[in-house]
Amino acid sequence: SISRIFVYYNIRVDWKGQKNRVPSISES
């Protein structure tokens, strides 16, 4: 689970270019 969150977090940061880990995980 943690691994997936980190992967999604990294992808979201690269795509959006911002640090939105909480909204990213919720949106994912």
PDB file of N, CA and C in Angstrom:
ATOM      1  N   SER A   1       0.856  -1.211   0.000  1.00  0.00           N
ATOM      2  CA  SER A   1       0.000   0.000   0.000  1.00  0.00           C
ATOM      3  C   SER A   1       0.883   1.250   0.000  1.00  0.00           C
ATOM      4  N   ILE A   2       1.857   1.260   0.895  1.00  0.00           N
ATOM      5  CA  ILE A   2       2.733   2.439   0.982  1.00  0.00           C
ATOM      6  C   ILE A   2       3.468   2.630  -0.352  1.00  0.00           C
ATOM      7  N   SER A   3       3.915   1.535  -0.935  1.00  0.00           N
ATOM      8  CA  SER A   3       4.648   1.620  -2.211  1.00  0.00           C
ATOM      9  C   SER A   3       3.770   2.272  -3.272  1.00  0.00           C
ATOM     10  N   ARG A   4       2.531   1.834  -3.352  1.00  0.00           N
ATOM     11  CA  ARG A   4       1.614   2.392  -4.347  1.00  0.00           C
ATOM     12  C   ARG A   4       1.438   3.892  -4.116  1.00  0.00           C
ATOM     13  N   ILE A   5       1.240   4.283  -2.872  1.00  0.00           N
ATOM     14  CA  ILE A   5       1.041   5.700  -2.556  1.00  0.00           C
ATOM     15  C   ILE A   5       2.259   6.506  -3.018  1.00  0.00           C
ATOM     16  N   PHE A   6       3.439   5.965  -2.747  1.00  0.00           N
ATOM     17  CA  PHE A   6       4.656   6.682  -3.133  1.00  0.00           C
ATOM     18  C   PHE A   6       4.743   6.813  -4.652  1.00  0.00           C
ATOM     19  N   VAL A   7       4.400   5.742  -5.342  1.00  0.00           N
ATOM     20  CA  VAL A   7       4.454   5.768  -6.806  1.00  0.00           C
ATOM     21  C   VAL A   7       3.480   6.806  -7.343  1.00  0.00           C
ATOM     22  N   TYR A   8       2.244   6.754  -6.867  1.00  0.00           N
ATOM     23  CA  TYR A   8       1.243   7.713  -7.328  1.00  0.00           C
ATOM     24  C   TYR A   8       1.668   9.133  -6.971  1.00  0.00           C
ATOM     25  N   TYR A   9       2.222   9.298  -5.750  1.00  0.00           N
ATOM     26  CA  TYR A   9       2.657  10.618  -5.299  1.00  0.00           C
ATOM     27  C   TYR A   9       3.731  11.165  -6.228  1.00  0.00           C
ATOM     28  N   ASN A  10       4.674  10.307  -6.585  1.00  0.00           N
ATOM     29  CA  ASN A  10       5.762  10.732  -7.470  1.00  0.00           C
ATOM     30  C   ASN A  10       5.228  11.102  -8.851  1.00  0.00           C
ATOM     31  N   ILE A  11       4.333  10.269  -9.378  1.00  0.00           N
ATOM     32  CA  ILE A  11       3.777  10.534 -10.704  1.00  0.00           C
ATOM     33  C   ILE A  11       2.974  11.841 -10.694  1.00  0.00           C
ATOM     34  N   ARG A  12       2.174  12.016  -9.667  1.00  0.00           N
ATOM     35  CA  ARG A  12       1.348  13.218  -9.591  1.00  0.00           C
ATOM     36  C   ARG A  12       2.227  14.465  -9.502  1.00  0.00           C
ATOM     37  N   VAL A  13       3.283  14.383  -8.716  1.00  0.00           N
ATOM     38  CA  VAL A  13       4.177  15.532  -8.549  1.00  0.00           C
ATOM     39  C   VAL A  13       4.828  15.876  -9.884  1.00  0.00           C
ATOM     40  N   ASP A  14       5.239  14.828 -10.629  1.00  0.00           N
ATOM     41  CA  ASP A  14       5.892  15.059 -11.907  1.00  0.00           C
ATOM     42  C   ASP A  14       4.892  15.624 -12.921  1.00  0.00           C
ATOM     43  N   TRP A  15       3.647  15.123 -12.890  1.00  0.00           N
ATOM     44  CA  TRP A  15       2.647  15.562 -13.849  1.00  0.00           C
ATOM     45  C   TRP A  15       2.164  16.978 -13.520  1.00  0.00           C
ATOM     46  N   LYS A  16       1.789  17.191 -12.238  1.00  0.00           N
ATOM     47  CA  LYS A  16       1.286  18.506 -11.831  1.00  0.00           C
ATOM     48  C   LYS A  16       2.438  19.475 -11.584  1.00  0.00           C
ATOM     49  N   GLY A  17       3.572  18.954 -11.106  1.00  0.00           N
ATOM     50  CA  GLY A  17       4.695  19.827 -10.808  1.00  0.00           C
ATOM     51  C   GLY A  17       4.500  20.540  -9.478  1.00  0.00           C
ATOM     52  N   GLN A  18       3.633  19.988  -8.625  1.00  0.00           N
ATOM     53  CA  GLN A  18       3.388  20.605  -7.321  1.00  0.00           C
ATOM     54  C   GLN A  18       3.384  19.535  -6.245  1.00  0.00           C
ATOM     55  N   LYS A  19       3.390  19.983  -4.983  1.00  0.00           N
ATOM     56  CA  LYS A  19       3.414  19.014  -3.881  1.00  0.00           C
ATOM     57  C   LYS A  19       2.007  18.871  -3.309  1.00  0.00           C
ATOM     58  N   ASN A  20       1.190  18.052  -3.937  1.00  0.00           N
ATOM     59  CA  ASN A  20      -0.181  17.827  -3.454  1.00  0.00           C
ATOM     60  C   ASN A  20      -0.370  16.340  -3.209  1.00  0.00           C
ATOM     61  N   ARG A  21       0.308  15.834  -2.203  1.00  0.00           N
ATOM     62  CA  ARG A  21       0.247  14.383  -1.967  1.00  0.00           C
ATOM     63  C   ARG A  21      -1.121  13.981  -1.451  1.00  0.00           C
ATOM     64  N   VAL A  22      -1.716  14.742  -0.522  1.00  0.00           N
ATOM     65  CA  VAL A  22      -3.022  14.372   0.034  1.00  0.00           C
ATOM     66  C   VAL A  22      -4.097  14.411  -1.052  1.00  0.00           C
ATOM     67  N   PRO A  23      -4.250  15.524  -1.792  1.00  0.00           N
ATOM     68  CA  PRO A  23      -5.257  15.584  -2.850  1.00  0.00           C
ATOM     69  C   PRO A  23      -4.973  14.559  -3.949  1.00  0.00           C
ATOM     70  N   SER A  24      -3.695  14.304  -4.207  1.00  0.00           N
ATOM     71  CA  SER A  24      -3.349  13.355  -5.264  1.00  0.00           C
ATOM     72  C   SER A  24      -3.853  11.967  -4.911  1.00  0.00           C
ATOM     73  N   ILE A  25      -3.576  11.545  -3.671  1.00  0.00           N
ATOM     74  CA  ILE A  25      -3.995  10.202  -3.256  1.00  0.00           C
ATOM     75  C   ILE A  25      -5.529  10.123  -3.283  1.00  0.00           C
ATOM     76  N   SER A  26      -6.180  11.188  -2.841  1.00  0.00           N
ATOM     77  CA  SER A  26      -7.644  11.181  -2.811  1.00  0.00           C
ATOM     78  C   SER A  26      -8.188  11.125  -4.232  1.00  0.00           C
ATOM     79  N   GLU A  27      -7.570  11.891  -5.129  1.00  0.00           N
ATOM     80  CA  GLU A  27      -8.034  11.915  -6.514  1.00  0.00           C
ATOM     81  C   GLU A  27      -7.770  10.571  -7.185  1.00  0.00           C
ATOM     82  N   SER A  28      -6.621   9.970  -6.862  1.00  0.00           N
ATOM     83  CA  SER A  28      -6.275   8.698  -7.476  1.00  0.00           C
ATOM     84  C   SER A  28      -7.315   7.654  -7.088  1.00  0.00           C
TER      85      SER A  28
END
